[in-house]
C-alpha atoms as a PDB file:
ATOM      1  CA  MET A   1       0.003  -0.044  -0.228  1.00  0.00           C
ATOM      2  CA  VAL A   2       1.347   3.774  -0.086  1.00  0.00           C
ATOM      3  CA  PRO A   3       4.020   4.082   2.505  1.00  0.00           C
ATOM      4  CA  ILE A   4       3.066   6.536   5.324  1.00  0.00           C
ATOM      5  CA  GLU A   5       5.403   9.384   4.285  1.00  0.00           C
ATOM      6  CA  THR A   6       3.819   9.438   0.854  1.00  0.00           C
ATOM      7  CA  TRP A   7       0.601   9.145   2.200  1.00  0.00           C
ATOM      8  CA  MET A   8       1.504  12.388   4.780  1.00  0.00           C
ATOM      9  CA  THR A   9       2.736  14.760   1.512  1.00  0.00           C
ATOM     10  CA  TYR A  10      -0.027  13.881  -0.111  1.00  0.00           C
ATOM     11  CA  THR A  11      -2.133  15.161   2.632  1.00  0.00           C
ATOM     12  CA  VAL A  12      -0.779  18.203   3.218  1.00  0.00           C
ATOM     13  CA  ALA A  13      -0.794  18.589  -0.733  1.00  0.00           C
ATOM     14  CA  CYS A  14      -4.613  17.681  -0.993  1.00  0.00           C
ATOM     15  CA  ILE A  15      -5.473  20.553   1.802  1.00  0.00           C
ATOM     16  CA  LEU A  16      -3.672  22.898   0.433  1.00  0.00           C
ATOM     17  CA  ILE A  17      -5.434  22.434  -2.924  1.00  0.00           C
ATOM     18  CA  ILE A  18      -8.836  22.225  -1.042  1.00  0.00           C
ATOM     19  CA  LEU A  19      -8.222  25.426   0.369  1.00  0.00           C
ATOM     20  CA  VAL A  20      -8.063  27.206  -3.107  1.00  0.00           C
ATOM     21  CA  PRO A  21     -11.624  28.864  -3.332  1.00  0.00           C
ATOM     22  CA  GLY A  22     -13.569  27.182  -5.710  1.00  0.00           C
ATOM     23  CA  PRO A  23     -17.423  26.490  -5.864  1.00  0.00           C
ATOM     24  CA  ASP A  24     -17.438  23.823  -3.567  1.00  0.00           C
ATOM     25  CA  ASN A  25     -15.768  26.362  -0.707  1.00  0.00           C
ATOM     26  CA  ILE A  26     -18.628  28.848  -1.786  1.00  0.00           C
ATOM     27  CA  LEU A  27     -21.211  26.383  -1.784  1.00  0.00           C
ATOM     28  CA  ALA A  28     -20.472  25.179   1.863  1.00  0.00           C
ATOM     29  CA  ILE A  29     -19.709  28.739   3.351  1.00  0.00           C
ATOM     30  CA  SER A  30     -23.246  30.235   1.748  1.00  0.00           C
ATOM     31  CA  ARG A  31     -25.130  26.958   3.168  1.00  0.00           C
ATOM     32  CA  GLY A  32     -23.128  27.794   6.552  1.00  0.00           C
ATOM     33  CA  LEU A  33     -24.322  31.551   6.041  1.00  0.00           C
ATOM     34  CA  SER A  34     -27.918  31.249   5.350  1.00  0.00           C
ATOM     35  CA  GLN A  35     -28.879  27.951   6.779  1.00  0.00           C
ATOM     36  CA  GLY A  36     -26.373  26.737   9.374  1.00  0.00           C
ATOM     37  CA  ARG A  37     -23.998  23.802  10.232  1.00  0.00           C
ATOM     38  CA  LEU A  38     -26.205  21.247   9.192  1.00  0.00           C
ATOM     39  CA  ALA A  39     -26.703  22.575   5.442  1.00  0.00           C
ATOM     40  CA  ALA A  40     -22.880  23.176   5.328  1.00  0.00           C
ATOM     41  CA  CYS A  41     -22.245  19.661   6.448  1.00  0.00           C
ATOM     42  CA  ILE A  42     -24.787  17.998   4.009  1.00  0.00           C
ATOM     43  CA  SER A  43     -23.508  20.224   0.985  1.00  0.00           C
ATOM     44  CA  SER A  44     -20.435  19.258   1.901  1.00  0.00           C
ATOM     45  CA  ALA A  45     -21.248  15.662   1.605  1.00  0.00           C
ATOM     46  CA  GLY A  46     -22.789  16.431  -1.450  1.00  0.00           C
ATOM     47  CA  ALA A  47     -19.342  17.702  -3.048  1.00  0.00           C
ATOM     48  CA  ALA A  48     -17.285  14.737  -1.412  1.00  0.00           C
ATOM     49  CA  LEU A  49     -19.779  12.179  -2.848  1.00  0.00           C
ATOM     50  CA  GLY A  50     -19.510  13.830  -6.123  1.00  0.00           C
ATOM     51  CA  LEU A  51     -15.578  13.794  -6.037  1.00  0.00           C
ATOM     52  CA  MET A  52     -16.173  10.026  -4.764  1.00  0.00           C
ATOM     53  CA  MET A  53     -17.885   9.495  -8.674  1.00  0.00           C
ATOM     54  CA  HIS A  54     -14.775  10.979 -10.390  1.00  0.00           C
ATOM     55  CA  VAL A  55     -12.555   8.582  -8.260  1.00  0.00           C
ATOM     56  CA  LEU A  56     -14.913   5.491  -8.952  1.00  0.00           C
ATOM     57  CA  VAL A  57     -14.351   6.543 -12.640  1.00  0.00           C
ATOM     58  CA  ALA A  58     -10.587   7.217 -12.393  1.00  0.00           C
ATOM     59  CA  PHE A  59     -10.677   3.883 -10.563  1.00  0.00           C
ATOM     60  CA  LEU A  60     -12.275   2.191 -13.562  1.00  0.00           C
ATOM     61  CA  GLY A  61     -10.434   3.668 -15.873  1.00  0.00           C
ATOM     62  CA  LEU A  62     -13.155   5.493 -17.714  1.00  0.00           C
ATOM     63  CA  ALA A  63     -11.869   9.145 -17.120  1.00  0.00           C
ATOM     64  CA  VAL A  64      -9.567   8.093 -19.718  1.00  0.00           C
ATOM     65  CA  LEU A  65     -12.501   8.382 -21.920  1.00  0.00           C
ATOM     66  CA  ILE A  66     -13.157  11.817 -20.995  1.00  0.00           C
ATOM     67  CA  GLN A  67      -9.653  12.498 -21.926  1.00  0.00           C
ATOM     68  CA  THR A  68      -9.062  11.202 -25.021  1.00  0.00           C
ATOM     69  CA  SER A  69     -12.472  11.725 -26.565  1.00  0.00           C
ATOM     70  CA  ALA A  70     -13.361  15.708 -27.294  1.00  0.00           C
ATOM     71  CA  VAL A  71     -16.720  14.611 -27.714  1.00  0.00           C
ATOM     72  CA  ALA A  72     -17.236  13.008 -24.623  1.00  0.00           C
ATOM     73  CA  PHE A  73     -15.082  15.678 -22.649  1.00  0.00           C
ATOM     74  CA  SER A  74     -17.275  18.470 -24.524  1.00  0.00           C
ATOM     75  CA  VAL A  75     -20.626  16.502 -23.158  1.00  0.00           C
ATOM     76  CA  VAL A  76     -19.593  16.596 -19.793  1.00  0.00           C
ATOM     77  CA  LYS A  77     -18.109  20.360 -20.207  1.00  0.00           C
ATOM     78  CA  PHE A  78     -21.762  21.544 -21.732  1.00  0.00           C
ATOM     79  CA  ALA A  79     -23.768  19.856 -19.295  1.00  0.00           C
ATOM     80  CA  GLY A  80     -21.678  21.719 -16.324  1.00  0.00           C
ATOM     81  CA  ALA A  81     -21.559  24.379 -17.470  1.00  0.00           C
ATOM     82  CA  GLY A  82     -25.319  24.216 -18.495  1.00  0.00           C
ATOM     83  CA  TYR A  83     -25.965  23.302 -14.640  1.00  0.00           C
ATOM     84  CA  LEU A  84     -23.611  26.175 -13.443  1.00  0.00           C
ATOM     85  CA  ILE A  85     -25.643  28.808 -15.792  1.00  0.00           C
ATOM     86  CA  TRP A  86     -28.941  27.482 -14.397  1.00  0.00           C
ATOM     87  CA  LEU A  87     -27.292  27.907 -10.608  1.00  0.00           C
ATOM     88  CA  GLY A  88     -26.571  31.411 -11.686  1.00  0.00           C
ATOM     89  CA  ILE A  89     -29.945  32.707 -12.912  1.00  0.00           C
ATOM     90  CA  LYS A  90     -31.530  31.278  -9.787  1.00  0.00           C
ATOM     91  CA  VAL A  91     -29.193  33.043  -7.579  1.00  0.00           C
ATOM     92  CA  LEU A  92     -29.965  36.497  -9.606  1.00  0.00           C
ATOM     93  CA  ARG A  93     -33.549  35.705  -9.787  1.00  0.00           C
ATOM     94  CA  SER A  94     -33.478  35.452  -6.028  1.00  0.00           C
ATOM     95  CA  ARG A  95     -33.963  38.418  -3.882  1.00  0.00           C
ATOM     96  CA  GLU A  96     -30.649  38.284  -1.715  1.00  0.00           C
ATOM     97  CA  LEU A  97     -27.198  36.933  -3.209  1.00  0.00           C
ATOM     98  CA  ILE A  98     -26.145  36.520   0.250  1.00  0.00           C
ATOM     99  CA  ALA A  99     -28.345  35.723   2.942  1.00  0.00           C
ATOM    100  CA  PHE A 100     -27.091  35.862   6.961  1.00  0.00           C
ATOM    101  CA  SER A 101     -30.880  34.512   7.875  1.00  0.00           C
ATOM    102  CA  SER A 102     -32.692  31.195   6.600  1.00  0.00           C
ATOM    103  CA  GLN A 103     -35.375  33.195   4.803  1.00  0.00           C
ATOM    104  CA  SER A 104     -34.280  31.122   1.869  1.00  0.00           C
ATOM    105  CA  HIS A 105     -34.166  27.840   2.843  1.00  0.00           C
ATOM    106  CA  LEU A 106     -33.494  25.021   0.979  1.00  0.00           C
ATOM    107  CA  SER A 107     -33.992  21.615   1.478  1.00  0.00           C
ATOM    108  CA  HIS A 108     -31.639  19.281   3.001  1.00  0.00           C
ATOM    109  CA  ARG A 109     -32.049  17.084  -0.560  1.00  0.00           C
ATOM    110  CA  ALA A 110     -31.772  20.095  -2.564  1.00  0.00           C
ATOM    111  CA  VAL A 111     -28.971  21.081  -0.612  1.00  0.00           C
ATOM    112  CA  PHE A 112     -26.874  17.640  -1.084  1.00  0.00           C
ATOM    113  CA  LEU A 113     -27.802  17.175  -4.767  1.00  0.00           C
ATOM    114  CA  THR A 114     -26.365  20.643  -5.269  1.00  0.00           C
ATOM    115  CA  GLY A 115     -23.306  20.055  -3.438  1.00  0.00           C
ATOM    116  CA  PHE A 116     -23.176  16.529  -5.284  1.00  0.00           C
ATOM    117  CA  LEU A 117     -24.020  18.053  -8.925  1.00  0.00           C
ATOM    118  CA  THR A 118     -21.793  20.967  -8.812  1.00  0.00           C
ATOM    119  CA  ASN A 119     -18.808  18.050  -8.803  1.00  0.00           C
ATOM    120  CA  VAL A 120     -20.146  15.348 -10.725  1.00  0.00           C
ATOM    121  CA  LEU A 121     -21.245  17.734 -13.652  1.00  0.00           C
ATOM    122  CA  ASN A 122     -17.935  19.282 -13.914  1.00  0.00           C
ATOM    123  CA  PRO A 123     -14.874  17.839 -15.383  1.00  0.00           C
ATOM    124  CA  LYS A 124     -12.192  19.460 -13.836  1.00  0.00           C
ATOM    125  CA  PRO A 125     -12.397  17.081 -10.609  1.00  0.00           C
ATOM    126  CA  ALA A 126     -12.088  13.957 -12.768  1.00  0.00           C
ATOM    127  CA  LEU A 127      -9.207  15.998 -14.717  1.00  0.00           C
ATOM    128  CA  PHE A 128      -7.219  17.012 -11.514  1.00  0.00           C
ATOM    129  CA  ILE A 129      -7.637  13.116 -10.094  1.00  0.00           C
ATOM    130  CA  LEU A 130      -6.253  12.068 -13.032  1.00  0.00           C
ATOM    131  CA  ALA A 131      -3.009  14.415 -13.009  1.00  0.00           C
ATOM    132  CA  PHE A 132      -2.461  14.638  -9.233  1.00  0.00           C
ATOM    133  CA  VAL A 133      -3.227  11.281  -7.874  1.00  0.00           C
ATOM    134  CA  PRO A 134      -1.017   9.346  -9.999  1.00  0.00           C
ATOM    135  CA  GLN A 135       2.004  11.417  -8.847  1.00  0.00           C
ATOM    136  CA  PHE A 136       1.807   9.675  -5.401  1.00  0.00           C
ATOM    137  CA  VAL A 137       0.969   6.141  -6.791  1.00  0.00           C
ATOM    138  CA  SER A 138       3.814   3.575  -7.671  1.00  0.00           C
ATOM    139  CA  PRO A 139       3.705   0.041  -8.504  1.00  0.00           C
ATOM    140  CA  VAL A 140       6.533  -1.076  -6.003  1.00  0.00           C
ATOM    141  CA  HIS A 141       3.821  -0.376  -3.156  1.00  0.00           C
ATOM    142  CA  GLY A 142       0.901  -2.618  -4.753  1.00  0.00           C
ATOM    143  CA  ALA A 143      -2.011  -2.292  -7.201  1.00  0.00           C
ATOM    144  CA  VAL A 144      -1.883   0.599  -8.861  1.00  0.00           C
ATOM    145  CA  GLU A 145      -5.762   0.572  -8.786  1.00  0.00           C
ATOM    146  CA  LEU A 146      -6.206   0.329  -5.307  1.00  0.00           C
ATOM    147  CA  GLN A 147      -3.325   2.625  -4.184  1.00  0.00           C
ATOM    148  CA  THR A 148      -5.865   5.434  -6.947  1.00  0.00           C
ATOM    149  CA  PHE A 149      -8.929   4.276  -5.048  1.00  0.00           C
ATOM    150  CA  PHE A 150      -7.275   4.954  -1.697  1.00  0.00           C
ATOM    151  CA  LEU A 151      -5.545   7.891  -2.391  1.00  0.00           C
ATOM    152  CA  GLY A 152      -9.077   9.291  -4.017  1.00  0.00           C
ATOM    153  CA  THR A 153     -10.929   8.208  -1.136  1.00  0.00           C
ATOM    154  CA  TRP A 154      -8.810   9.795   1.114  1.00  0.00           C
ATOM    155  CA  PHE A 155      -9.175  13.151  -1.326  1.00  0.00           C
ATOM    156  CA  ALA A 156     -12.705  13.359  -1.093  1.00  0.00           C
ATOM    157  CA  LEU A 157     -13.334  12.561   2.748  1.00  0.00           C
ATOM    158  CA  LEU A 158     -10.787  15.339   2.981  1.00  0.00           C
ATOM    159  CA  ALA A 159     -12.609  17.908   1.234  1.00  0.00           C
ATOM    160  CA  PHE A 160     -15.848  16.700   3.194  1.00  0.00           C
ATOM    161  CA  ALA A 161     -13.995  17.593   6.416  1.00  0.00           C
ATOM    162  CA  VAL A 162     -12.363  20.636   5.106  1.00  0.00           C
ATOM    163  CA  PHE A 163     -15.807  22.207   3.377  1.00  0.00           C
ATOM    164  CA  THR A 164     -17.886  21.042   6.777  1.00  0.00           C
ATOM    165  CA  VAL A 165     -15.376  22.985   8.738  1.00  0.00           C
ATOM    166  CA  LEU A 166     -15.639  26.097   6.700  1.00  0.00           C
ATOM    167  CA  GLY A 167     -19.232  26.011   6.702  1.00  0.00           C
ATOM    168  CA  SER A 168     -19.255  25.235  10.330  1.00  0.00           C
ATOM    169  CA  PHE A 169     -17.457  28.755  10.815  1.00  0.00           C
ATOM    170  CA  SER A 170     -19.414  30.737   8.172  1.00  0.00           C
ATOM    171  CA  SER A 171     -22.443  29.535  10.158  1.00  0.00           C
ATOM    172  CA  LEU A 172     -20.758  30.652  13.683  1.00  0.00           C
ATOM    173  CA  PHE A 173     -19.684  34.031  11.858  1.00  0.00           C
ATOM    174  CA  ALA A 174     -23.386  34.318  10.422  1.00  0.00           C
ATOM    175  CA  ARG A 175     -24.671  33.838  14.169  1.00  0.00           C
ATOM    176  CA  TRP A 176     -22.498  36.199  15.571  1.00  0.00           C
ATOM    177  CA  LEU A 177     -23.297  39.111  13.005  1.00  0.00           C
ATOM    178  CA  GLU A 178     -27.113  38.452  13.957  1.00  0.00           C
ATOM    179  CA  GLY A 179     -25.858  39.425  17.600  1.00  0.00           C
ATOM    180  CA  HIS A 180     -24.064  41.898  16.453  1.00  0.00           C
ATOM    181  CA  PRO A 181     -25.670  44.152  13.612  1.00  0.00           C
ATOM    182  CA  ARG A 182     -23.015  47.079  14.209  1.00  0.00           C
ATOM    183  CA  ALA A 183     -20.293  45.244  13.022  1.00  0.00           C
ATOM    184  CA  ILE A 184     -22.114  45.157   9.487  1.00  0.00           C
ATOM    185  CA  LEU A 185     -22.605  49.004   9.790  1.00  0.00           C
ATOM    186  CA  VAL A 186     -19.031  49.094  10.154  1.00  0.00           C
END
């Protein structure tokens, strides 16, 4: 299996990459701000499961199809772009872009699906997993497929943890702002 030194280096690299702002971070933070810690956790679980779909695709070797077939890549890319445009239109049509209160409550199912679909319909995580994970895999340490699956799963678990922490802190911040309305005016 993966040596502990490689696993630790991989863990640090993953955390740094996960902290780079992106759609998942924004979703977790926005859910934490508007609906609280539970919604942030549910959004993070959806995002992590979406990442796991890409890990499974990489594990099964199907991601190579996306990388080598312009048509397959375009289909996934346009489906993802369409979904993101649809989300953008929904945000623009809403009354508030950022809500610190729970006026625009989404169901837990909708929160989960948004996190999940944001990852599944985005081809970048698949390409990222194909490019990043193999850097830490070595045939000397056992089956490449199992190492890929293990490291990809670890990435998804780390993403879940980091997004949950970000969403939880944003929830605490929103509650603090509700108790200190003068802080918003400054």
